[in-house]
Amino acid sequence: MPVLWADFFSTTDHLSNDEQWAYAKLLAKTWLRNCRPFPDEPRDLARLLNLTVKRWLKIRPRIVGFFDLSEGTWRQENLEKQFAFVSQRAAISRSNGSRGGRPQSNKINEVENPAGSIQVTQNEPRANLTKPKPKKEEESESLIEAEFADLWQLYPRHIGKAAALAKYRIARRVVDAETIRVGVTAYAAEREGEDHKYTLHLATWLHQGRWTDEAAPKANGNGHATGDEERDQWRGRVGVWQAKHLWAADLWGPAPGEPRCGVPAEILREFGYV
């Protein structure tokens, strides 16, 4: 399995060693079964990664953003693209071999491993090895920039836009735009009314993978949330909802005015919802 270590570490630096190892091992195990994704079964995955179920359930939320679980399996699009490319190269090599090999001037030294990858020690003809650029990738740059423009307006501190865009491109390789947007919405609400000099630059927020953070109430000196601070936090969230119509439902439940809304009744009364 080819690994781009610079990309790997730039997108996983926020993980612990155990979390990085579990992520890398899950990718490798998927590769070795021809990129067929594993079902989302906690006991089976824990056994696969040599972890206890309890430990896996703690690691899972930290790496789930790198995968697509929409079909109940741990799929990763980038891994599947790499596997398809390597498989294509292996097929080209086998085809050339069945025809008696390449012309002398174009021969290369190559070794195929059991998973179908090839180590190339000389350049192959470009017609065979140049990876075709999918149409989706041709259109993706404008989509990424449009997503980022929207995210930039939502983020509570506007410093370092170029650096933030570069980090956003990296982040989008491993997580979908909606997950990042939900995380930013939550962070913007938490920073509402706070001193912005202590608000992370967006580039830093993205580099650290802060979309995986769990929203937590502010704490007093004893480590427990105070009632006043919790109410202020809800006021900030509802204020952002009224001003920008943004709400992190995955973290806070239904928005004000919707059934089963979990916002304290006194806060809803302050904003005229009850």
Protein backbone atom coordinates (compact mmCIF):
# COMPACT_ATOMS: atom_id res chain seq x y z
CA MET A 1 0.00 0.00 0.00
CA PRO A 2 1.61 3.30 -1.07
CA VAL A 3 1.66 5.82 1.79
CA LEU A 4 2.20 9.58 1.44
CA TRP A 5 3.65 10.15 4.88
CA ALA A 6 3.57 13.96 4.69
CA ASP A 7 -0.16 13.90 4.03
CA PHE A 8 -0.75 11.17 6.61
CA PHE A 9 0.91 13.05 9.46
CA SER A 10 -0.44 16.46 8.46
CA THR A 11 -4.01 15.11 8.77
CA THR A 12 -3.50 12.93 11.85
CA ASP A 13 -1.21 15.02 14.08
CA HIS A 14 -4.17 15.70 16.36
CA LEU A 15 -4.56 11.98 17.09
CA SER A 16 -2.80 10.02 19.83
CA ASN A 17 -0.34 7.26 18.92
CA ASP A 18 -3.01 4.61 19.56
CA GLU A 19 -5.50 6.45 17.37
CA GLN A 20 -2.97 6.92 14.55
CA TRP A 21 -2.04 3.22 14.71
CA ALA A 22 -5.68 2.11 14.64
CA TYR A 23 -6.37 4.37 11.65
CA ALA A 24 -3.29 3.18 9.73
CA LYS A 25 -3.96 -0.48 10.53
CA LEU A 26 -7.59 -0.25 9.41
CA LEU A 27 -6.43 1.23 6.08
CA ALA A 28 -3.81 -1.50 5.63
CA LYS A 29 -6.22 -4.32 6.51
CA THR A 30 -8.77 -2.90 4.04
CA TRP A 31 -6.11 -2.72 1.31
CA LEU A 32 -5.11 -6.35 1.86
CA ARG A 33 -8.68 -7.51 1.13
CA ASN A 34 -8.74 -5.67 -2.20
CA CYS A 35 -10.23 -2.55 -0.62
CA ARG A 36 -13.48 -4.25 0.39
CA PRO A 37 -14.59 -2.15 3.40
CA PHE A 38 -15.22 -3.74 6.77
CA PRO A 39 -18.75 -3.71 8.25
CA ASP A 40 -19.29 -1.34 11.17
CA GLU A 41 -19.38 -4.09 13.79
CA PRO A 42 -17.62 -3.01 17.02
CA ARG A 43 -16.62 -6.50 18.19
CA ASP A 44 -15.24 -7.54 14.81
CA LEU A 45 -13.32 -4.29 14.34
CA ALA A 46 -11.89 -4.45 17.86
CA ARG A 47 -10.66 -7.99 17.17
CA LEU A 48 -9.25 -6.91 13.80
CA LEU A 49 -7.23 -4.10 15.43
CA ASN A 50 -6.20 -6.15 18.48
CA LEU A 51 -8.13 -3.86 20.81
CA THR A 52 -10.71 -4.40 23.49
CA VAL A 53 -14.23 -3.36 22.53
CA LYS A 54 -14.11 -0.67 25.23
CA ARG A 55 -10.88 0.78 23.83
CA TRP A 56 -12.18 0.66 20.24
CA LEU A 57 -15.34 2.55 21.21
CA LYS A 58 -13.14 5.31 22.65
CA ILE A 59 -10.93 5.48 19.55
CA ARG A 60 -13.80 5.22 17.05
CA PRO A 61 -15.12 8.83 17.37
CA ARG A 62 -11.62 10.18 16.81
CA ILE A 63 -11.07 8.47 13.43
CA VAL A 64 -14.60 8.08 12.09
CA GLY A 65 -14.33 11.42 10.25
CA PHE A 66 -11.73 9.90 7.91
CA PHE A 67 -14.25 7.37 6.57
CA ASP A 68 -17.65 7.18 4.86
CA LEU A 69 -20.02 5.07 6.97
CA SER A 70 -23.15 5.94 4.99
CA GLU A 71 -23.54 2.31 3.83
CA GLY A 72 -22.70 0.76 7.18
CA THR A 73 -19.09 0.03 6.20
CA TRP A 74 -15.75 1.78 6.75
CA ARG A 75 -15.09 3.09 3.25
CA GLN A 76 -12.45 5.65 2.27
CA GLU A 77 -12.59 7.15 -1.20
CA ASN A 78 -8.90 8.10 -1.37
CA LEU A 79 -7.82 4.56 -0.48
CA GLU A 80 -10.10 3.11 -3.15
CA LYS A 81 -8.68 5.51 -5.76
CA GLN A 82 -5.13 4.48 -4.89
CA PHE A 83 -6.05 0.80 -5.06
CA ALA A 84 -7.70 1.26 -8.47
CA PHE A 85 -4.60 3.05 -9.78
CA VAL A 86 -2.18 0.40 -8.51
CA SER A 87 -4.40 -2.37 -9.88
CA GLN A 88 -4.43 -0.63 -13.27
CA ARG A 89 -0.64 -0.49 -13.31
CA ALA A 90 -0.41 -4.17 -12.39
CA ALA A 91 -2.83 -5.03 -15.23
CA ILE A 92 -0.71 -3.03 -17.70
CA SER A 93 2.38 -4.89 -16.55
CA ARG A 94 0.71 -8.28 -16.95
CA SER A 95 -0.60 -7.33 -20.40
CA ASN A 96 2.84 -6.25 -21.58
CA GLY A 97 4.31 -9.47 -20.22
CA SER A 98 1.83 -11.62 -22.13
CA ARG A 99 2.91 -9.88 -25.36
CA GLY A 100 6.57 -10.70 -24.74
CA GLY A 101 7.44 -7.61 -22.73
CA ARG A 102 8.08 -4.00 -23.67
CA PRO A 103 10.57 -2.81 -26.24
CA GLN A 104 14.11 -2.83 -24.82
CA SER A 105 14.28 0.96 -24.49
CA ASN A 106 11.17 1.04 -22.30
CA LYS A 107 11.86 -1.89 -19.95
CA ILE A 108 11.73 -1.34 -16.23
CA ASN A 109 12.58 -3.38 -13.18
CA GLU A 110 9.46 -4.07 -11.17
CA VAL A 111 8.26 -6.29 -8.34
CA GLU A 112 4.62 -7.10 -7.67
CA ASN A 113 3.60 -7.84 -4.09
CA PRO A 114 0.66 -10.07 -3.14
CA ALA A 115 -1.65 -7.04 -2.91
CA GLY A 116 -0.88 -5.99 -6.48
CA SER A 117 1.32 -2.92 -5.91
CA ILE A 118 4.42 -2.31 -8.03
CA GLN A 119 7.76 -0.74 -7.15
CA VAL A 120 9.00 1.14 -10.23
CA THR A 121 12.75 1.77 -10.55
CA GLN A 122 12.66 3.43 -13.98
CA ASN A 123 10.11 5.57 -15.75
CA GLU A 124 7.41 3.71 -17.67
CA PRO A 125 5.97 5.19 -20.88
CA ARG A 126 3.76 8.10 -19.94
CA ALA A 127 0.89 6.74 -22.02
CA ASN A 128 0.67 3.79 -19.63
CA LEU A 129 1.52 5.30 -16.24
CA THR A 130 -0.02 8.76 -16.31
CA LYS A 131 -2.97 8.63 -13.96
CA PRO A 132 -6.11 9.89 -15.72
CA LYS A 133 -7.63 12.83 -13.91
CA PRO A 134 -11.26 12.04 -13.02
CA LYS A 135 -13.83 14.57 -14.13
CA LYS A 136 -14.89 14.90 -10.51
CA GLU A 137 -11.42 16.16 -9.58
CA GLU A 138 -11.48 18.71 -12.40
CA GLU A 139 -14.59 20.25 -10.87
CA SER A 140 -13.59 19.80 -7.23
CA GLU A 141 -11.35 22.85 -6.89
CA SER A 142 -14.13 25.35 -7.58
CA LEU A 143 -16.41 23.40 -5.22
CA ILE A 144 -13.77 23.45 -2.45
CA GLU A 145 -13.30 27.20 -2.84
CA ALA A 146 -17.07 27.78 -2.73
CA GLU A 147 -17.36 25.65 0.43
CA PHE A 148 -14.48 27.52 2.02
CA ALA A 149 -15.91 30.96 1.19
CA ASP A 150 -19.08 30.00 3.07
CA LEU A 151 -17.08 28.56 5.98
CA TRP A 152 -14.90 31.68 6.20
CA GLN A 153 -17.95 33.88 6.68
CA LEU A 154 -19.23 31.57 9.39
CA TYR A 155 -15.96 31.36 11.34
CA PRO A 156 -15.71 33.89 14.20
CA ARG A 157 -12.16 35.14 13.47
CA HIS A 158 -10.95 36.26 10.03
CA ILE A 159 -7.15 35.99 10.05
CA GLY A 160 -4.87 33.97 7.76
CA LYS A 161 -7.30 33.24 4.94
CA ALA A 162 -4.76 31.75 2.50
CA ALA A 163 -3.32 29.42 5.15
CA ALA A 164 -6.84 28.40 6.18
CA LEU A 165 -7.78 27.55 2.57
CA ALA A 166 -4.69 25.34 2.25
CA LYS A 167 -5.60 23.50 5.47
CA TYR A 168 -9.22 23.19 4.32
CA ARG A 169 -8.11 21.44 1.12
CA ILE A 170 -6.16 18.92 3.22
CA ALA A 171 -9.03 18.43 5.66
CA ARG A 172 -11.49 17.73 2.83
CA ARG A 173 -9.44 14.71 1.80
CA VAL A 174 -10.52 12.94 4.98
CA VAL A 175 -13.82 14.50 6.06
CA ASP A 176 -16.94 15.86 4.36
CA ALA A 177 -17.83 19.55 4.21
CA GLU A 178 -20.94 19.17 6.38
CA THR A 179 -18.97 17.67 9.28
CA ILE A 180 -16.55 20.60 9.21
CA ARG A 181 -19.42 23.08 8.96
CA VAL A 182 -21.20 21.55 11.97
CA GLY A 183 -17.98 21.76 13.99
CA VAL A 184 -17.39 25.38 13.01
CA THR A 185 -20.97 26.27 13.87
CA ALA A 186 -20.52 24.79 17.33
CA TYR A 187 -17.20 26.56 17.85
CA ALA A 188 -18.62 29.90 16.66
CA ALA A 189 -21.45 29.60 19.17
CA GLU A 190 -19.04 28.74 21.99
CA ARG A 191 -16.90 31.80 21.17
CA GLU A 192 -19.90 34.14 20.96
CA GLY A 193 -19.30 37.05 23.33
CA GLU A 194 -15.75 35.90 24.14
CA ASP A 195 -12.49 37.78 23.53
CA HIS A 196 -11.55 36.92 19.94
CA LYS A 197 -7.83 37.12 20.63
CA TYR A 198 -8.24 33.72 22.29
CA THR A 199 -10.17 32.30 19.34
CA LEU A 200 -8.12 29.91 17.19
CA HIS A 201 -7.22 30.93 13.67
CA LEU A 202 -9.22 28.83 11.23
CA ALA A 203 -6.00 27.28 9.83
CA THR A 204 -5.09 26.08 13.32
CA TRP A 205 -8.61 24.82 13.99
CA LEU A 206 -8.53 22.78 10.79
CA HIS A 207 -4.98 21.49 11.29
CA GLN A 208 -5.89 20.17 14.74
CA GLY A 209 -9.01 18.41 13.42
CA ARG A 210 -11.20 20.31 15.86
CA TRP A 211 -14.38 19.20 14.07
CA THR A 212 -14.04 16.06 16.22
CA ASP A 213 -14.34 18.08 19.46
CA GLU A 214 -17.34 17.45 21.64
CA ALA A 215 -19.23 20.54 22.75
CA ALA A 216 -18.72 20.97 26.49
CA PRO A 217 -20.14 23.52 28.92
CA LYS A 218 -17.71 25.98 30.45
CA ALA A 219 -16.46 25.01 33.87
CA ASN A 220 -15.84 26.74 37.18
CA GLY A 221 -12.72 26.28 39.29
CA ASN A 222 -13.91 22.88 40.49
CA GLY A 223 -14.28 21.57 36.95
CA HIS A 224 -18.11 21.68 37.02
CA ALA A 225 -20.29 23.77 34.77
CA THR A 226 -22.11 26.58 36.53
CA GLY A 227 -25.75 27.29 35.84
CA ASP A 228 -25.10 30.87 34.73
CA GLU A 229 -22.36 29.82 32.32
CA GLU A 230 -24.50 27.08 30.81
CA ARG A 231 -27.34 29.54 30.28
CA ASP A 232 -24.95 32.03 28.68
CA GLN A 233 -23.73 29.30 26.34
CA TRP A 234 -27.31 28.51 25.28
CA ARG A 235 -27.97 32.25 24.80
CA GLY A 236 -24.99 32.40 22.46
CA ARG A 237 -26.20 29.43 20.44
CA VAL A 238 -29.75 30.73 20.14
CA GLY A 239 -28.40 34.17 19.26
CA VAL A 240 -26.39 32.71 16.36
CA TRP A 241 -29.50 30.75 15.31
CA GLN A 242 -31.59 33.91 15.15
CA ALA A 243 -28.90 36.02 13.48
CA LYS A 244 -27.49 33.54 10.95
CA HIS A 245 -29.90 30.59 11.06
CA LEU A 246 -27.02 28.22 11.90
CA TRP A 247 -27.47 25.37 14.35
CA ALA A 248 -25.33 22.28 15.12
CA ALA A 249 -28.20 19.81 15.50
CA ASP A 250 -25.83 16.85 15.79
CA LEU A 251 -24.48 18.35 19.01
CA TRP A 252 -27.40 20.31 20.47
CA GLY A 253 -30.48 18.49 19.22
CA PRO A 254 -33.45 20.14 17.45
CA ALA A 255 -33.25 23.90 16.89
CA PRO A 256 -35.46 26.45 18.70
CA GLY A 257 -39.02 26.26 17.42
CA GLU A 258 -38.70 22.59 16.42
CA PRO A 259 -40.28 19.64 18.27
CA ARG A 260 -38.26 18.18 21.19
CA CYS A 261 -35.94 21.18 21.32
CA GLY A 262 -33.58 20.79 24.30
CA VAL A 263 -32.86 24.48 24.89
CA PRO A 264 -33.84 25.49 28.46
CA ALA A 265 -37.35 26.95 28.57
CA GLU A 266 -36.20 30.20 30.18
CA ILE A 267 -33.81 30.84 27.28
CA LEU A 268 -36.53 30.11 24.75
CA ARG A 269 -38.77 32.59 26.55
CA GLU A 270 -36.06 35.27 26.42
CA PHE A 271 -35.90 34.91 22.63
CA GLY A 272 -39.67 34.76 22.19
CA TYR A 273 -40.06 31.08 21.27
CA VAL A 274 -42.53 30.28 24.09
